[in-house]
Amino acid sequence: MKVLVIEDEIALSQSICSYLSDKYYICEAAFDYNTALEKVGIYEYACIILDITLPKGSGLNILKELKKTDKTEGVLIISAKDSVDDKVLGLQAGADDYLAKPFHLSELSARVSAIIRRKHFGGSNCITLDHLTIDIEKRSLESNGEYIPLTRKEYELLLYFVSNKNRVVTKEAIVEHLWGDNFDMSDHYDFIYSHIKNLRKKLMQAGAPDYIKAVYGMGYKFKVNI
């Protein structure tokens, strides 16, 4: 899942991104208000880690912009301001959680994970979908009780499909989700085709239906009966 870290302290931002990357998140960073506003306007994220105090603007205004445009990203505010009033302002503006600095990276990671579970998977650590059971904490997949080994990218692709089940997702959206906004879109889409082919093969070999459908001229749909 893709996370945006909006934090002007570069060392802290890098530490957060490094830690979360080890937890299988795709991390992007924004160090000022304008860059952050541009990113949230163009891209989609599973969760946004948002500092209130930013160069050239307030993180609360970014949060208000997210809500104004009906974006569904989960938001975790991090701030050195630890007063009750600041927490109330952030939560009233639409944040999902608030974490005061300084904090342990393990706690931040746990809170990000909890937000993503609530926003995208009904708050559960296990997702049961037709023949599939996905354990988010263990990052494992079973079909009809049979364990299916997945690579990191295959697992991320599956989660993205499941969180967008029965919706068409474009090849561009898949690329941007799996590799971030720095991936060269002009490159061939061989990476996508390869991952989708391998994921589909593993699911079907385990006895699951062929969930992944190509939608001509548009992208792919993970089709399930719900």
C-alpha atoms as a PDB file:
ATOM      1  CA  MET A   1       0.000   0.000   0.000  1.00  0.00           C
ATOM      2  CA  LYS A   2       1.207   3.502  -0.820  1.00  0.00           C
ATOM      3  CA  VAL A   3       1.860   6.111   1.880  1.00  0.00           C
ATOM      4  CA  LEU A   4       2.619   9.825   1.556  1.00  0.00           C
ATOM      5  CA  VAL A   5       4.791  11.366   4.285  1.00  0.00           C
ATOM      6  CA  ILE A   6       4.260  15.132   4.543  1.00  0.00           C
ATOM      7  CA  GLU A   7       6.997  16.277   6.925  1.00  0.00           C
ATOM      8  CA  ASP A   8       9.462  19.169   6.591  1.00  0.00           C
ATOM      9  CA  GLU A   9      12.121  17.612   8.851  1.00  0.00           C
ATOM     10  CA  ILE A  10      14.049  15.715   6.185  1.00  0.00           C
ATOM     11  CA  ALA A  11      15.855  13.380   8.599  1.00  0.00           C
ATOM     12  CA  LEU A  12      12.580  12.397  10.277  1.00  0.00           C
ATOM     13  CA  SER A  13      10.855  11.935   6.917  1.00  0.00           C
ATOM     14  CA  GLN A  14      13.654   9.681   5.716  1.00  0.00           C
ATOM     15  CA  SER A  15      13.520   7.633   8.921  1.00  0.00           C
ATOM     16  CA  ILE A  16       9.761   7.169   8.574  1.00  0.00           C
ATOM     17  CA  CYS A  17      10.025   6.201   4.907  1.00  0.00           C
ATOM     18  CA  SER A  18      12.863   3.768   5.582  1.00  0.00           C
ATOM     19  CA  TYR A  19      11.008   2.083   8.441  1.00  0.00           C
ATOM     20  CA  LEU A  20       7.706   1.811   6.575  1.00  0.00           C
ATOM     21  CA  SER A  21       9.438   0.540   3.430  1.00  0.00           C
ATOM     22  CA  ASP A  22      10.708  -2.388   5.498  1.00  0.00           C
ATOM     23  CA  LYS A  23       7.051  -3.028   6.388  1.00  0.00           C
ATOM     24  CA  TYR A  24       6.129  -3.403   2.697  1.00  0.00           C
ATOM     25  CA  TYR A  25       4.778   0.112   2.172  1.00  0.00           C
ATOM     26  CA  ILE A  26       5.571   2.219  -0.900  1.00  0.00           C
ATOM     27  CA  CYS A  27       6.570   5.614   0.499  1.00  0.00           C
ATOM     28  CA  GLU A  28       6.652   9.052  -1.094  1.00  0.00           C
ATOM     29  CA  ALA A  29       7.710  12.260   0.626  1.00  0.00           C
ATOM     30  CA  ALA A  30       6.727  15.933   0.485  1.00  0.00           C
ATOM     31  CA  PHE A  31       8.703  18.493   2.480  1.00  0.00           C
ATOM     32  CA  ASP A  32       6.567  21.619   2.026  1.00  0.00           C
ATOM     33  CA  TYR A  33       2.955  22.718   1.687  1.00  0.00           C
ATOM     34  CA  ASN A  34       2.895  23.320  -2.076  1.00  0.00           C
ATOM     35  CA  THR A  35       4.515  19.993  -2.989  1.00  0.00           C
ATOM     36  CA  ALA A  36       2.176  18.164  -0.637  1.00  0.00           C
ATOM     37  CA  LEU A  37      -0.896  19.890  -2.054  1.00  0.00           C
ATOM     38  CA  GLU A  38       0.184  18.982  -5.586  1.00  0.00           C
ATOM     39  CA  LYS A  39       0.749  15.321  -4.703  1.00  0.00           C
ATOM     40  CA  VAL A  40      -2.574  14.828  -2.908  1.00  0.00           C
ATOM     41  CA  GLY A  41      -4.338  16.471  -5.841  1.00  0.00           C
ATOM     42  CA  ILE A  42      -2.805  14.154  -8.444  1.00  0.00           C
ATOM     43  CA  TYR A  43      -2.166  10.820  -6.739  1.00  0.00           C
ATOM     44  CA  GLU A  44      -4.020   8.421  -4.460  1.00  0.00           C
ATOM     45  CA  TYR A  45      -2.633   6.971  -1.240  1.00  0.00           C
ATOM     46  CA  ALA A  46      -3.726   4.362   1.271  1.00  0.00           C
ATOM     47  CA  CYS A  47      -2.632   6.671   4.085  1.00  0.00           C
ATOM     48  CA  ILE A  48      -1.159  10.159   4.491  1.00  0.00           C
ATOM     49  CA  ILE A  49       1.146  10.999   7.409  1.00  0.00           C
ATOM     50  CA  LEU A  50       0.686  14.729   7.881  1.00  0.00           C
ATOM     51  CA  ASP A  51       2.627  17.271   9.914  1.00  0.00           C
ATOM     52  CA  ILE A  52       0.577  20.335  10.880  1.00  0.00           C
ATOM     53  CA  THR A  53       3.392  22.897  10.682  1.00  0.00           C
ATOM     54  CA  LEU A  54       4.838  23.118   7.169  1.00  0.00           C
ATOM     55  CA  PRO A  55       6.835  25.684   5.193  1.00  0.00           C
ATOM     56  CA  LYS A  56       4.452  27.972   3.263  1.00  0.00           C
ATOM     57  CA  GLY A  57       1.262  26.590   4.757  1.00  0.00           C
ATOM     58  CA  SER A  58      -0.627  24.517   7.305  1.00  0.00           C
ATOM     59  CA  GLY A  59      -1.183  20.789   7.228  1.00  0.00           C
ATOM     60  CA  LEU A  60      -4.746  21.423   8.403  1.00  0.00           C
ATOM     61  CA  ASN A  61      -5.476  23.210   5.122  1.00  0.00           C
ATOM     62  CA  ILE A  62      -4.248  20.153   3.202  1.00  0.00           C
ATOM     63  CA  LEU A  63      -6.581  18.016   5.301  1.00  0.00           C
ATOM     64  CA  LYS A  64      -9.490  20.359   4.561  1.00  0.00           C
ATOM     65  CA  GLU A  65      -8.682  20.187   0.842  1.00  0.00           C
ATOM     66  CA  LEU A  66      -8.758  16.378   0.965  1.00  0.00           C
ATOM     67  CA  LYS A  67     -12.201  16.421   2.529  1.00  0.00           C
ATOM     68  CA  LYS A  68     -13.467  19.141   0.164  1.00  0.00           C
ATOM     69  CA  THR A  69     -12.579  17.001  -2.856  1.00  0.00           C
ATOM     70  CA  ASP A  70     -14.034  13.821  -1.288  1.00  0.00           C
ATOM     71  CA  LYS A  71     -10.728  11.952  -1.313  1.00  0.00           C
ATOM     72  CA  THR A  72     -10.748   8.811   0.793  1.00  0.00           C
ATOM     73  CA  GLU A  73      -7.165   8.622   2.059  1.00  0.00           C
ATOM     74  CA  GLY A  74      -6.678   7.829   5.716  1.00  0.00           C
ATOM     75  CA  VAL A  75      -4.823  10.628   7.538  1.00  0.00           C
ATOM     76  CA  LEU A  76      -2.508  10.356  10.544  1.00  0.00           C
ATOM     77  CA  ILE A  77      -1.482  13.751  11.912  1.00  0.00           C
ATOM     78  CA  ILE A  78       1.967  13.950  13.511  1.00  0.00           C
ATOM     79  CA  SER A  79       2.870  17.133  15.339  1.00  0.00           C
ATOM     80  CA  ALA A  80       5.046  18.537  18.080  1.00  0.00           C
ATOM     81  CA  LYS A  81       1.933  20.366  19.259  1.00  0.00           C
ATOM     82  CA  ASP A  82       0.464  18.077  21.908  1.00  0.00           C
ATOM     83  CA  SER A  83      -2.325  20.231  23.302  1.00  0.00           C
ATOM     84  CA  VAL A  84      -5.896  18.947  23.493  1.00  0.00           C
ATOM     85  CA  ASP A  85      -7.036  21.852  21.296  1.00  0.00           C
ATOM     86  CA  ASP A  86      -4.641  20.867  18.482  1.00  0.00           C
ATOM     87  CA  LYS A  87      -5.790  17.250  18.609  1.00  0.00           C
ATOM     88  CA  VAL A  88      -9.436  18.308  18.538  1.00  0.00           C
ATOM     89  CA  LEU A  89      -8.828  20.642  15.572  1.00  0.00           C
ATOM     90  CA  GLY A  90      -7.082  17.911  13.615  1.00  0.00           C
ATOM     91  CA  LEU A  91      -9.721  15.268  14.311  1.00  0.00           C
ATOM     92  CA  GLN A  92     -12.580  17.692  13.633  1.00  0.00           C
ATOM     93  CA  ALA A  93     -10.967  18.568  10.299  1.00  0.00           C
ATOM     94  CA  GLY A  94     -11.204  14.899   9.314  1.00  0.00           C
ATOM     95  CA  ALA A  95      -7.993  13.204  10.472  1.00  0.00           C
ATOM     96  CA  ASP A  96      -8.278   9.538  11.434  1.00  0.00           C
ATOM     97  CA  ASP A  97      -5.666   9.640  14.194  1.00  0.00           C
ATOM     98  CA  TYR A  98      -3.188  11.958  15.916  1.00  0.00           C
ATOM     99  CA  LEU A  99       0.325  11.147  17.138  1.00  0.00           C
ATOM    100  CA  ALA A 100       2.434  13.634  19.089  1.00  0.00           C
ATOM    101  CA  LYS A 101       6.173  13.999  18.496  1.00  0.00           C
ATOM    102  CA  PRO A 102       8.457  12.461  19.539  1.00  0.00           C
ATOM    103  CA  PHE A 103       7.137   8.977  18.833  1.00  0.00           C
ATOM    104  CA  HIS A 104       8.429   5.460  18.270  1.00  0.00           C
ATOM    105  CA  LEU A 105       8.410   4.381  14.641  1.00  0.00           C
ATOM    106  CA  SER A 106       6.871   1.068  15.642  1.00  0.00           C
ATOM    107  CA  GLU A 107       3.849   2.905  17.085  1.00  0.00           C
ATOM    108  CA  LEU A 108       3.535   5.061  13.972  1.00  0.00           C
ATOM    109  CA  SER A 109       3.625   1.939  11.799  1.00  0.00           C
ATOM    110  CA  ALA A 110       0.949   0.264  13.927  1.00  0.00           C
ATOM    111  CA  ARG A 111      -1.304   3.303  13.650  1.00  0.00           C
ATOM    112  CA  VAL A 112      -0.840   3.520   9.880  1.00  0.00           C
ATOM    113  CA  SER A 113      -1.720  -0.168   9.605  1.00  0.00           C
ATOM    114  CA  ALA A 114      -4.833   0.321  11.755  1.00  0.00           C
ATOM    115  CA  ILE A 115      -6.000   3.270   9.643  1.00  0.00           C
ATOM    116  CA  ILE A 116      -5.568   1.311   6.419  1.00  0.00           C
ATOM    117  CA  ARG A 117      -7.477  -1.659   7.858  1.00  0.00           C
ATOM    118  CA  ARG A 118     -10.366   0.595   8.914  1.00  0.00           C
ATOM    119  CA  LYS A 119     -10.515   2.588   5.684  1.00  0.00           C
ATOM    120  CA  HIS A 120     -10.052  -0.235   3.186  1.00  0.00           C
ATOM    121  CA  PHE A 121     -10.743  -3.586   4.845  1.00  0.00           C
ATOM    122  CA  GLY A 122     -13.454  -3.051   7.443  1.00  0.00           C
ATOM    123  CA  GLY A 123     -11.009  -2.953  10.336  1.00  0.00           C
ATOM    124  CA  SER A 124     -10.093  -6.629  10.108  1.00  0.00           C
ATOM    125  CA  ASN A 125      -6.640  -8.207   9.975  1.00  0.00           C
ATOM    126  CA  CYS A 126      -8.047 -10.998   7.815  1.00  0.00           C
ATOM    127  CA  ILE A 127      -9.911 -10.455   4.579  1.00  0.00           C
ATOM    128  CA  THR A 128     -12.138 -13.272   3.387  1.00  0.00           C
ATOM    129  CA  LEU A 129     -13.240 -12.823  -0.186  1.00  0.00           C
ATOM    130  CA  ASP A 130     -14.888 -15.702  -1.997  1.00  0.00           C
ATOM    131  CA  HIS A 131     -12.203 -18.452  -2.104  1.00  0.00           C
ATOM    132  CA  LEU A 132      -9.432 -16.212  -0.739  1.00  0.00           C
ATOM    133  CA  THR A 133      -8.233 -15.424   2.778  1.00  0.00           C
ATOM    134  CA  ILE A 134      -5.647 -12.661   3.152  1.00  0.00           C
ATOM    135  CA  ASP A 135      -3.899 -12.132   6.490  1.00  0.00           C
ATOM    136  CA  ILE A 136      -2.743  -8.507   6.459  1.00  0.00           C
ATOM    137  CA  GLU A 137      -0.517  -8.824   9.522  1.00  0.00           C
ATOM    138  CA  LYS A 138       1.260 -11.946   8.234  1.00  0.00           C
ATOM    139  CA  ARG A 139       1.064 -10.757   4.601  1.00  0.00           C
ATOM    140  CA  SER A 140      -0.056 -14.211   3.584  1.00  0.00           C
ATOM    141  CA  LEU A 141      -2.661 -15.622   1.221  1.00  0.00           C
ATOM    142  CA  GLU A 142      -4.672 -18.843   1.287  1.00  0.00           C
ATOM    143  CA  SER A 143      -7.205 -20.240  -1.171  1.00  0.00           C
ATOM    144  CA  ASN A 144      -9.559 -22.891   0.181  1.00  0.00           C
ATOM    145  CA  GLY A 145      -7.094 -23.425   3.041  1.00  0.00           C
ATOM    146  CA  GLU A 146      -4.080 -23.825   0.750  1.00  0.00           C
ATOM    147  CA  TYR A 147      -1.170 -21.417   1.281  1.00  0.00           C
ATOM    148  CA  ILE A 148      -0.182 -19.484  -1.849  1.00  0.00           C
ATOM    149  CA  PRO A 149       3.369 -18.050  -1.851  1.00  0.00           C
ATOM    150  CA  LEU A 150       3.503 -14.561  -3.344  1.00  0.00           C
ATOM    151  CA  THR A 151       6.344 -12.170  -4.098  1.00  0.00           C
ATOM    152  CA  ARG A 152       6.191  -8.734  -2.501  1.00  0.00           C
ATOM    153  CA  LYS A 153       4.879  -7.089  -5.689  1.00  0.00           C
ATOM    154  CA  GLU A 154       2.335  -9.847  -6.277  1.00  0.00           C
ATOM    155  CA  TYR A 155       1.029  -9.372  -2.731  1.00  0.00           C
ATOM    156  CA  GLU A 156       0.831  -5.577  -3.157  1.00  0.00           C
ATOM    157  CA  LEU A 157      -0.933  -6.050  -6.488  1.00  0.00           C
ATOM    158  CA  LEU A 158      -3.452  -8.434  -4.923  1.00  0.00           C
ATOM    159  CA  LEU A 159      -4.223  -6.014  -2.073  1.00  0.00           C
ATOM    160  CA  TYR A 160      -4.692  -3.197  -4.578  1.00  0.00           C
ATOM    161  CA  PHE A 161      -7.074  -5.300  -6.640  1.00  0.00           C
ATOM    162  CA  VAL A 162      -9.013  -6.420  -3.550  1.00  0.00           C
ATOM    163  CA  SER A 163      -9.356  -2.858  -2.252  1.00  0.00           C
ATOM    164  CA  ASN A 164     -10.750  -1.933  -5.689  1.00  0.00           C
ATOM    165  CA  LYS A 165     -12.732  -5.126  -6.322  1.00  0.00           C
ATOM    166  CA  ASN A 166     -15.250  -5.018  -9.164  1.00  0.00           C
ATOM    167  CA  ARG A 167     -13.846  -1.671 -10.302  1.00  0.00           C
ATOM    168  CA  VAL A 168     -11.765  -1.078 -13.402  1.00  0.00           C
ATOM    169  CA  VAL A 169      -8.231   0.079 -12.559  1.00  0.00           C
ATOM    170  CA  THR A 170      -5.986   1.456 -15.267  1.00  0.00           C
ATOM    171  CA  LYS A 171      -2.492   0.229 -16.056  1.00  0.00           C
ATOM    172  CA  GLU A 172      -1.225   3.696 -15.116  1.00  0.00           C
ATOM    173  CA  ALA A 173      -2.878   3.496 -11.693  1.00  0.00           C
ATOM    174  CA  ILE A 174      -1.341   0.068 -11.071  1.00  0.00           C
ATOM    175  CA  VAL A 175       2.140   1.284 -12.045  1.00  0.00           C
ATOM    176  CA  GLU A 176       1.844   4.365  -9.842  1.00  0.00           C
ATOM    177  CA  HIS A 177       0.574   2.302  -6.913  1.00  0.00           C
ATOM    178  CA  LEU A 178       3.288  -0.363  -7.105  1.00  0.00           C
ATOM    179  CA  TRP A 179       6.280   1.846  -7.911  1.00  0.00           C
ATOM    180  CA  GLY A 180       5.262   5.389  -6.938  1.00  0.00           C
ATOM    181  CA  ASP A 181       5.249   8.547  -9.004  1.00  0.00           C
ATOM    182  CA  ASN A 182       8.935   8.266  -9.931  1.00  0.00           C
ATOM    183  CA  PHE A 183       8.384   5.295 -12.243  1.00  0.00           C
ATOM    184  CA  ASP A 184       8.925   6.156 -15.904  1.00  0.00           C
ATOM    185  CA  MET A 185       5.471   5.845 -17.453  1.00  0.00           C
ATOM    186  CA  SER A 186       7.031   5.895 -20.900  1.00  0.00           C
ATOM    187  CA  ASP A 187       8.554   2.463 -20.232  1.00  0.00           C
ATOM    188  CA  HIS A 188       6.818  -0.636 -21.463  1.00  0.00           C
ATOM    189  CA  TYR A 189       4.281  -2.206 -19.167  1.00  0.00           C
ATOM    190  CA  ASP A 190       6.080  -5.543 -19.159  1.00  0.00           C
ATOM    191  CA  PHE A 191       6.384  -5.331 -15.357  1.00  0.00           C
ATOM    192  CA  ILE A 192       2.605  -5.179 -14.945  1.00  0.00           C
ATOM    193  CA  TYR A 193       1.859  -7.913 -17.442  1.00  0.00           C
ATOM    194  CA  SER A 194       4.407 -10.199 -15.793  1.00  0.00           C
ATOM    195  CA  HIS A 195       3.094  -9.646 -12.246  1.00  0.00           C
ATOM    196  CA  ILE A 196      -0.537 -10.018 -13.281  1.00  0.00           C
ATOM    197  CA  LYS A 197       0.221 -13.167 -15.262  1.00  0.00           C
ATOM    198  CA  ASN A 198       2.095 -14.738 -12.329  1.00  0.00           C
ATOM    199  CA  LEU A 199      -0.556 -13.736  -9.769  1.00  0.00           C
ATOM    200  CA  ARG A 200      -3.371 -15.084 -11.932  1.00  0.00           C
ATOM    201  CA  LYS A 201      -1.475 -18.360 -12.488  1.00  0.00           C
ATOM    202  CA  LYS A 202      -0.842 -18.878  -8.765  1.00  0.00           C
ATOM    203  CA  LEU A 203      -4.474 -18.206  -7.852  1.00  0.00           C
ATOM    204  CA  MET A 204      -5.839 -20.584 -10.466  1.00  0.00           C
ATOM    205  CA  GLN A 205      -3.315 -23.317  -9.635  1.00  0.00           C
ATOM    206  CA  ALA A 206      -4.626 -23.182  -6.061  1.00  0.00           C
ATOM    207  CA  GLY A 207      -8.160 -23.758  -7.300  1.00  0.00           C
ATOM    208  CA  ALA A 208      -9.414 -20.169  -7.234  1.00  0.00           C
ATOM    209  CA  PRO A 209     -11.438 -18.751 -10.143  1.00  0.00           C
ATOM    210  CA  ASP A 210      -9.839 -16.429 -12.690  1.00  0.00           C
ATOM    211  CA  TYR A 211     -10.653 -13.217 -10.836  1.00  0.00           C
ATOM    212  CA  ILE A 212      -8.479 -10.859 -12.905  1.00  0.00           C
ATOM    213  CA  LYS A 213     -10.213  -9.721 -16.073  1.00  0.00           C
ATOM    214  CA  ALA A 214      -8.655  -7.531 -18.748  1.00  0.00           C
ATOM    215  CA  VAL A 215     -10.901  -4.652 -19.799  1.00  0.00           C
ATOM    216  CA  TYR A 216      -9.962  -3.749 -23.347  1.00  0.00           C
ATOM    217  CA  GLY A 217      -8.547  -0.266 -23.741  1.00  0.00           C
ATOM    218  CA  MET A 218      -8.936   0.547 -20.037  1.00  0.00           C
ATOM    219  CA  GLY A 219      -7.120  -1.800 -17.653  1.00  0.00           C
ATOM    220  CA  TYR A 220      -8.128  -4.637 -15.348  1.00  0.00           C
ATOM    221  CA  LYS A 221     -10.969  -5.622 -13.043  1.00  0.00           C
ATOM    222  CA  PHE A 222     -10.760  -7.977 -10.065  1.00  0.00           C
ATOM    223  CA  LYS A 223     -14.219  -9.502 -10.415  1.00  0.00           C
ATOM    224  CA  VAL A 224     -15.813 -11.280  -7.463  1.00  0.00           C
ATOM    225  CA  ASN A 225     -19.387 -12.068  -6.436  1.00  0.00           C
ATOM    226  CA  ILE A 226     -20.305 -10.164  -3.296  1.00  0.00           C
END
